[in-house]
Structure formats: structure tokens, C-alpha cells
Amino acid sequence: MRALIVVDMQVDFCPGGALAVARGDEIIAPINALMPRFDAVILTQDWHPADHASFADNHGAAPYSTMQMPYGPQVLWPRHCVIGSDGAAFHAGLDLSRADLILRKGFRPGTDSYSAFFENDRTTATGLAGYLRDRGLDDLHFVGLAQDFCVAWSAMDAMRLGFAATVIEASTRAIDLNGSLDAARTAMRDAGVTLA
């Protein structure tokens, strides 16, 4: 069975938000239109405490700089998607009525979480894989924000866990930080992800 995984379609990632992805709001209507074609719809939601380790201002560092964390290099982001904030809410245009599951990620203060399946330490699971397997959902299609980070990491982890993974590129947008989009597309292809 097929599932649509809608990644982080939140206010802070859309134009005007704290970590806006250019033209991120343009994909909301196409995502809504895709939802009825799938057996299940899963929404992920970035959900950070105010003291989160990935926030540049918590380190007195410049946004988009990199810092070494116990789990490896970490991009330091502008403060975004703080738990309970307006910016953490789903974009008002997103159809929430079709969501079978809302998965919150990145809520542990010391570890970021790009993937819908694992925190950035690559070992702490979110529980999504078990949910999908229990429901017989093995053909996963990914849309949302941002293609070169959370979408890509999620799709590659899906492949690593034995799911089929497709990224619907027309319904994603990228940050493209220092060539990150081309790198992510290459990494996804190398991992066996279908770019449609």
C-alpha cells in the first residue's frame, strides 16, 4: 500500500517564516491534490524546544554555520518551529483532514532530526517505520520541505529500512545551501530513491 509523507509544511518554512524556503507555499495546493491518491497520509512536524542545539543563537554563532556535535557536523539554523509557536504550526492552506498520523521530530534538545525515521544521531528512531509496517504501507512518496534536508534524509532512510521511496520533486522545494540540492539529489539516486 502507498503512503504520502508530507514533510514539514509549516509556517516557519514558508515565505515570511523564520527559515523560509523560497516558494515553499507554492506546493501546498499540489500536495493537497495528491492526498486522495494514497492509502495513508503522514505529516511530519519540526518541533523544537527553545534551547535546541541546532539554533545558531543558542551558540552565539552565525546562522548557516556548522558546528561539530557528538553525532557529527550540524548546520546551525535560525531559530524556527519552536514548540507551540505560530511558526511551528502547519501552513493554514494544508489539508489536515486527510492526516492519518502527525509525527513530531526534533523535540530532544541536544539532537536535531531531519529524517522522519531517525534523529541526526542516525540511531534514535522516531517510531515511523513500525507504524508504516503495522499498516502494511511499504511504497512511500515524499513531498514537502526542504528537499535537500528533511525530505532527502527521510527518503534515504526509507530505502535503508527496506521501503520503496519516491520523491515527487514538483511538490518539494529546497534550501540549496552551498550546493546542497545537487548533493542531495545525487545521494538520493545513489541510495535507490526514485526522483519523479
C-alpha atoms as a PDB file:
ATOM      1  CA  MET A   1       0.000   0.000   0.000  1.00  0.00           C
ATOM      2  CA  ARG A   2       1.076   3.559  -0.682  1.00  0.00           C
ATOM      3  CA  ALA A   3       1.660   6.382   1.773  1.00  0.00           C
ATOM      4  CA  LEU A   4       2.228  10.075   1.136  1.00  0.00           C
ATOM      5  CA  ILE A   5       4.743  11.509   3.606  1.00  0.00           C
ATOM      6  CA  VAL A   6       4.272  15.289   3.792  1.00  0.00           C
ATOM      7  CA  VAL A   7       7.427  16.743   5.332  1.00  0.00           C
ATOM      8  CA  ASP A   8       7.389  19.880   7.496  1.00  0.00           C
ATOM      9  CA  MET A   9       4.811  22.039   5.702  1.00  0.00           C
ATOM     10  CA  GLN A  10       4.991  24.598   8.498  1.00  0.00           C
ATOM     11  CA  VAL A  11       4.680  28.372   8.725  1.00  0.00           C
ATOM     12  CA  ASP A  12       8.369  28.914   9.553  1.00  0.00           C
ATOM     13  CA  PHE A  13       9.477  27.085   6.377  1.00  0.00           C
ATOM     14  CA  CYS A  14       7.173  29.074   4.081  1.00  0.00           C
ATOM     15  CA  PRO A  15       7.744  32.621   2.775  1.00  0.00           C
ATOM     16  CA  GLY A  16       7.691  35.074   5.683  1.00  0.00           C
ATOM     17  CA  GLY A  17       8.764  32.385   8.157  1.00  0.00           C
ATOM     18  CA  ALA A  18      11.907  32.228  10.271  1.00  0.00           C
ATOM     19  CA  LEU A  19      13.601  29.657   7.999  1.00  0.00           C
ATOM     20  CA  ALA A  20      11.693  30.278   4.789  1.00  0.00           C
ATOM     21  CA  VAL A  21      12.252  28.068   1.772  1.00  0.00           C
ATOM     22  CA  ALA A  22      11.799  30.097  -1.416  1.00  0.00           C
ATOM     23  CA  ARG A  23       8.389  29.438  -2.986  1.00  0.00           C
ATOM     24  CA  GLY A  24       7.624  26.849  -0.301  1.00  0.00           C
ATOM     25  CA  ASP A  25       3.974  27.858  -0.199  1.00  0.00           C
ATOM     26  CA  GLU A  26       3.551  27.076  -3.930  1.00  0.00           C
ATOM     27  CA  ILE A  27       3.475  23.338  -3.267  1.00  0.00           C
ATOM     28  CA  ILE A  28       0.566  23.329  -0.792  1.00  0.00           C
ATOM     29  CA  ALA A  29      -2.227  23.020  -3.380  1.00  0.00           C
ATOM     30  CA  PRO A  30      -0.412  20.266  -5.326  1.00  0.00           C
ATOM     31  CA  ILE A  31       0.194  18.339  -2.082  1.00  0.00           C
ATOM     32  CA  ASN A  32      -3.476  18.626  -1.124  1.00  0.00           C
ATOM     33  CA  ALA A  33      -4.417  17.346  -4.588  1.00  0.00           C
ATOM     34  CA  LEU A  34      -2.150  14.305  -4.171  1.00  0.00           C
ATOM     35  CA  MET A  35      -3.594  13.207  -0.817  1.00  0.00           C
ATOM     36  CA  PRO A  36      -6.690  11.321  -2.104  1.00  0.00           C
ATOM     37  CA  ARG A  37      -4.483   9.121  -4.339  1.00  0.00           C
ATOM     38  CA  PHE A  38      -2.811   7.431  -1.341  1.00  0.00           C
ATOM     39  CA  ASP A  39      -3.866   4.828   1.204  1.00  0.00           C
ATOM     40  CA  ALA A  40      -2.471   6.946   4.039  1.00  0.00           C
ATOM     41  CA  VAL A  41      -1.129  10.461   4.597  1.00  0.00           C
ATOM     42  CA  ILE A  42       1.525  11.123   7.234  1.00  0.00           C
ATOM     43  CA  LEU A  43       2.520  14.676   8.184  1.00  0.00           C
ATOM     44  CA  THR A  44       5.844  15.420   9.875  1.00  0.00           C
ATOM     45  CA  GLN A  45       6.248  18.484  12.068  1.00  0.00           C
ATOM     46  CA  ASP A  46       9.523  20.048  13.198  1.00  0.00           C
ATOM     47  CA  TRP A  47       9.030  20.616  16.952  1.00  0.00           C
ATOM     48  CA  HIS A  48      11.972  22.218  18.755  1.00  0.00           C
ATOM     49  CA  PRO A  49      12.389  23.352  22.372  1.00  0.00           C
ATOM     50  CA  ALA A  50      13.691  26.928  22.746  1.00  0.00           C
ATOM     51  CA  ASP A  51      17.094  25.663  23.926  1.00  0.00           C
ATOM     52  CA  HIS A  52      17.586  23.381  20.903  1.00  0.00           C
ATOM     53  CA  ALA A  53      21.206  22.648  19.981  1.00  0.00           C
ATOM     54  CA  SER A  54      20.635  23.387  16.280  1.00  0.00           C
ATOM     55  CA  PHE A  55      19.738  27.043  16.856  1.00  0.00           C
ATOM     56  CA  ALA A  56      22.621  29.363  15.948  1.00  0.00           C
ATOM     57  CA  ASP A  57      21.637  31.977  18.536  1.00  0.00           C
ATOM     58  CA  ASN A  58      21.954  29.400  21.332  1.00  0.00           C
ATOM     59  CA  HIS A  59      25.677  29.225  20.492  1.00  0.00           C
ATOM     60  CA  GLY A  60      26.255  32.897  19.645  1.00  0.00           C
ATOM     61  CA  ALA A  61      27.061  31.657  16.133  1.00  0.00           C
ATOM     62  CA  ALA A  62      26.149  32.841  12.656  1.00  0.00           C
ATOM     63  CA  PRO A  63      23.129  31.179  11.058  1.00  0.00           C
ATOM     64  CA  TYR A  64      24.064  28.509   8.477  1.00  0.00           C
ATOM     65  CA  SER A  65      27.492  27.981  10.027  1.00  0.00           C
ATOM     66  CA  THR A  66      28.417  24.436  11.023  1.00  0.00           C
ATOM     67  CA  MET A  67      29.250  23.056  14.455  1.00  0.00           C
ATOM     68  CA  GLN A  68      30.538  19.663  15.494  1.00  0.00           C
ATOM     69  CA  MET A  69      28.025  17.762  17.645  1.00  0.00           C
ATOM     70  CA  PRO A  70      28.522  14.381  19.327  1.00  0.00           C
ATOM     71  CA  TYR A  71      26.729  12.831  16.327  1.00  0.00           C
ATOM     72  CA  GLY A  72      28.693  14.742  13.664  1.00  0.00           C
ATOM     73  CA  PRO A  73      28.562  18.089  11.864  1.00  0.00           C
ATOM     74  CA  GLN A  74      25.414  20.128  12.391  1.00  0.00           C
ATOM     75  CA  VAL A  75      24.224  23.165  10.408  1.00  0.00           C
ATOM     76  CA  LEU A  76      23.208  25.887  12.871  1.00  0.00           C
ATOM     77  CA  TRP A  77      19.844  27.238  11.797  1.00  0.00           C
ATOM     78  CA  PRO A  78      17.937  30.413  12.576  1.00  0.00           C
ATOM     79  CA  ARG A  79      15.513  29.780  15.456  1.00  0.00           C
ATOM     80  CA  HIS A  80      12.482  28.053  13.948  1.00  0.00           C
ATOM     81  CA  CYS A  81       9.495  25.804  14.729  1.00  0.00           C
ATOM     82  CA  VAL A  82       9.685  26.363  18.476  1.00  0.00           C
ATOM     83  CA  ILE A  83       7.183  24.153  20.307  1.00  0.00           C
ATOM     84  CA  GLY A  84       3.780  25.830  20.480  1.00  0.00           C
ATOM     85  CA  SER A  85       4.789  28.857  18.402  1.00  0.00           C
ATOM     86  CA  ASP A  86       2.846  30.202  15.429  1.00  0.00           C
ATOM     87  CA  GLY A  87       5.833  29.317  13.235  1.00  0.00           C
ATOM     88  CA  ALA A  88       5.662  25.646  14.252  1.00  0.00           C
ATOM     89  CA  ALA A  89       2.029  25.378  13.096  1.00  0.00           C
ATOM     90  CA  PHE A  90       1.168  23.749   9.797  1.00  0.00           C
ATOM     91  CA  HIS A  91       0.541  26.224   6.977  1.00  0.00           C
ATOM     92  CA  ALA A  92      -3.124  27.230   7.049  1.00  0.00           C
ATOM     93  CA  GLY A  93      -3.611  26.045   3.467  1.00  0.00           C
ATOM     94  CA  LEU A  94      -2.541  22.460   4.154  1.00  0.00           C
ATOM     95  CA  ASP A  95      -5.415  19.953   4.296  1.00  0.00           C
ATOM     96  CA  LEU A  96      -5.052  18.411   7.752  1.00  0.00           C
ATOM     97  CA  SER A  97      -8.279  16.410   7.449  1.00  0.00           C
ATOM     98  CA  ARG A  98      -6.539  13.645   5.486  1.00  0.00           C
ATOM     99  CA  ALA A  99      -3.722  13.091   8.015  1.00  0.00           C
ATOM    100  CA  ASP A 100      -3.618   9.573   9.454  1.00  0.00           C
ATOM    101  CA  LEU A 101      -0.605  10.459  11.613  1.00  0.00           C
ATOM    102  CA  ILE A 102       1.229  13.623  12.661  1.00  0.00           C
ATOM    103  CA  LEU A 103       4.812  12.806  13.607  1.00  0.00           C
ATOM    104  CA  ARG A 104       6.724  15.421  15.606  1.00  0.00           C
ATOM    105  CA  LYS A 105      10.509  15.390  15.380  1.00  0.00           C
ATOM    106  CA  GLY A 106      13.458  17.355  16.730  1.00  0.00           C
ATOM    107  CA  PHE A 107      11.996  17.722  20.218  1.00  0.00           C
ATOM    108  CA  ARG A 108      15.101  16.399  22.028  1.00  0.00           C
ATOM    109  CA  PRO A 109      17.186  19.474  22.974  1.00  0.00           C
ATOM    110  CA  GLY A 110      20.586  18.022  22.093  1.00  0.00           C
ATOM    111  CA  THR A 111      19.857  16.356  18.748  1.00  0.00           C
ATOM    112  CA  ASP A 112      18.412  17.641  15.509  1.00  0.00           C
ATOM    113  CA  SER A 113      16.136  15.461  13.411  1.00  0.00           C
ATOM    114  CA  TYR A 114      15.946  15.902   9.654  1.00  0.00           C
ATOM    115  CA  SER A 115      14.654  12.423   8.865  1.00  0.00           C
ATOM    116  CA  ALA A 116      11.124  11.278   9.616  1.00  0.00           C
ATOM    117  CA  PHE A 117      12.650   7.952  10.709  1.00  0.00           C
ATOM    118  CA  PHE A 118      15.721   8.824  12.807  1.00  0.00           C
ATOM    119  CA  GLU A 119      17.239  11.673  14.750  1.00  0.00           C
ATOM    120  CA  ASN A 120      20.513  13.003  13.337  1.00  0.00           C
ATOM    121  CA  ASP A 121      22.475  10.598  15.537  1.00  0.00           C
ATOM    122  CA  ARG A 122      21.194   8.011  12.990  1.00  0.00           C
ATOM    123  CA  THR A 123      20.236   5.556  15.770  1.00  0.00           C
ATOM    124  CA  THR A 124      17.345   7.126  17.753  1.00  0.00           C
ATOM    125  CA  ALA A 125      14.197   6.009  15.921  1.00  0.00           C
ATOM    126  CA  THR A 126      11.033   8.120  15.692  1.00  0.00           C
ATOM    127  CA  GLY A 127       8.733   5.084  15.521  1.00  0.00           C
ATOM    128  CA  LEU A 128       7.521   5.844  11.995  1.00  0.00           C
ATOM    129  CA  ALA A 129       8.919   2.632  10.473  1.00  0.00           C
ATOM    130  CA  GLY A 130       6.941   0.463  12.895  1.00  0.00           C
ATOM    131  CA  TYR A 131       3.744   2.420  12.249  1.00  0.00           C
ATOM    132  CA  LEU A 132       4.116   2.020   8.485  1.00  0.00           C
ATOM    133  CA  ARG A 133       4.906  -1.700   8.724  1.00  0.00           C
ATOM    134  CA  ASP A 134       1.978  -2.334  11.064  1.00  0.00           C
ATOM    135  CA  ARG A 135      -0.335  -0.760   8.496  1.00  0.00           C
ATOM    136  CA  GLY A 136       1.241  -2.513   5.503  1.00  0.00           C
ATOM    137  CA  LEU A 137       2.427   0.752   3.973  1.00  0.00           C
ATOM    138  CA  ASP A 138       5.601  -0.037   2.034  1.00  0.00           C
ATOM    139  CA  ASP A 139       5.515   2.254  -1.021  1.00  0.00           C
ATOM    140  CA  LEU A 140       6.367   5.729   0.257  1.00  0.00           C
ATOM    141  CA  HIS A 141       6.139   9.011  -1.648  1.00  0.00           C
ATOM    142  CA  PHE A 142       7.737  12.122  -0.168  1.00  0.00           C
ATOM    143  CA  VAL A 143       6.782  15.771  -0.656  1.00  0.00           C
ATOM    144  CA  GLY A 144       7.327  18.977   1.319  1.00  0.00           C
ATOM    145  CA  LEU A 145      10.186  20.985   2.770  1.00  0.00           C
ATOM    146  CA  ALA A 146      13.026  21.061   2.331  1.00  0.00           C
ATOM    147  CA  GLN A 147      14.013  18.682  -0.455  1.00  0.00           C
ATOM    148  CA  ASP A 148      17.746  18.834   0.277  1.00  0.00           C
ATOM    149  CA  PHE A 149      17.467  18.207   4.024  1.00  0.00           C
ATOM    150  CA  CYS A 150      14.403  16.680   5.688  1.00  0.00           C
ATOM    151  CA  VAL A 151      12.843  15.235   2.527  1.00  0.00           C
ATOM    152  CA  ALA A 152      16.118  13.728   1.285  1.00  0.00           C
ATOM    153  CA  TRP A 153      17.145  12.270   4.646  1.00  0.00           C
ATOM    154  CA  SER A 154      13.672  10.765   5.094  1.00  0.00           C
ATOM    155  CA  ALA A 155      13.631   9.180   1.631  1.00  0.00           C
ATOM    156  CA  MET A 156      17.136   7.729   2.013  1.00  0.00           C
ATOM    157  CA  ASP A 157      16.285   6.303   5.424  1.00  0.00           C
ATOM    158  CA  ALA A 158      13.136   4.764   3.953  1.00  0.00           C
ATOM    159  CA  MET A 159      15.283   2.917   1.410  1.00  0.00           C
ATOM    160  CA  ARG A 160      17.748   1.838   4.103  1.00  0.00           C
ATOM    161  CA  LEU A 161      14.831   0.399   6.090  1.00  0.00           C
ATOM    162  CA  GLY A 162      13.523  -1.622   3.162  1.00  0.00           C
ATOM    163  CA  PHE A 163      10.692   0.607   1.933  1.00  0.00           C
ATOM    164  CA  ALA A 164      10.276   1.825  -1.638  1.00  0.00           C
ATOM    165  CA  ALA A 165      10.874   5.588  -1.746  1.00  0.00           C
ATOM    166  CA  THR A 166       9.921   8.175  -4.342  1.00  0.00           C
ATOM    167  CA  VAL A 167      10.409  11.946  -4.062  1.00  0.00           C
ATOM    168  CA  ILE A 168       7.832  13.896  -6.074  1.00  0.00           C
ATOM    169  CA  GLU A 169      10.093  16.796  -6.998  1.00  0.00           C
ATOM    170  CA  ALA A 170       7.331  19.096  -8.282  1.00  0.00           C
ATOM    171  CA  SER A 171       5.873  19.058  -4.749  1.00  0.00           C
ATOM    172  CA  THR A 172       9.103  19.874  -2.934  1.00  0.00           C
ATOM    173  CA  ARG A 173      11.282  22.960  -2.635  1.00  0.00           C
ATOM    174  CA  ALA A 174      14.908  23.195  -1.488  1.00  0.00           C
ATOM    175  CA  ILE A 175      17.011  25.494   0.673  1.00  0.00           C
ATOM    176  CA  ASP A 176      20.005  24.839  -1.632  1.00  0.00           C
ATOM    177  CA  LEU A 177      22.683  25.837   0.871  1.00  0.00           C
ATOM    178  CA  ASN A 178      26.109  25.779  -0.824  1.00  0.00           C
ATOM    179  CA  GLY A 179      25.039  23.274  -3.470  1.00  0.00           C
ATOM    180  CA  SER A 180      23.069  21.096  -1.064  1.00  0.00           C
ATOM    181  CA  LEU A 181      20.286  20.392  -3.587  1.00  0.00           C
ATOM    182  CA  ASP A 182      22.572  18.799  -6.198  1.00  0.00           C
ATOM    183  CA  ALA A 183      24.362  16.856  -3.463  1.00  0.00           C
ATOM    184  CA  ALA A 184      21.076  15.606  -2.039  1.00  0.00           C
ATOM    185  CA  ARG A 185      19.745  14.574  -5.448  1.00  0.00           C
ATOM    186  CA  THR A 186      22.931  12.594  -6.137  1.00  0.00           C
ATOM    187  CA  ALA A 187      22.841  10.972  -2.687  1.00  0.00           C
ATOM    188  CA  MET A 188      19.164  10.032  -3.117  1.00  0.00           C
ATOM    189  CA  ARG A 189      19.772   8.465  -6.513  1.00  0.00           C
ATOM    190  CA  ASP A 190      22.783   6.558  -5.135  1.00  0.00           C
ATOM    191  CA  ALA A 191      20.566   5.255  -2.291  1.00  0.00           C
ATOM    192  CA  GLY A 192      17.984   3.986  -4.790  1.00  0.00           C
ATOM    193  CA  VAL A 193      15.377   6.708  -4.248  1.00  0.00           C
ATOM    194  CA  THR A 194      13.231   7.422  -7.307  1.00  0.00           C
ATOM    195  CA  LEU A 195      13.075  11.110  -8.229  1.00  0.00           C
ATOM    196  CA  ALA A 196       9.773  11.617 -10.033  1.00  0.00           C
END
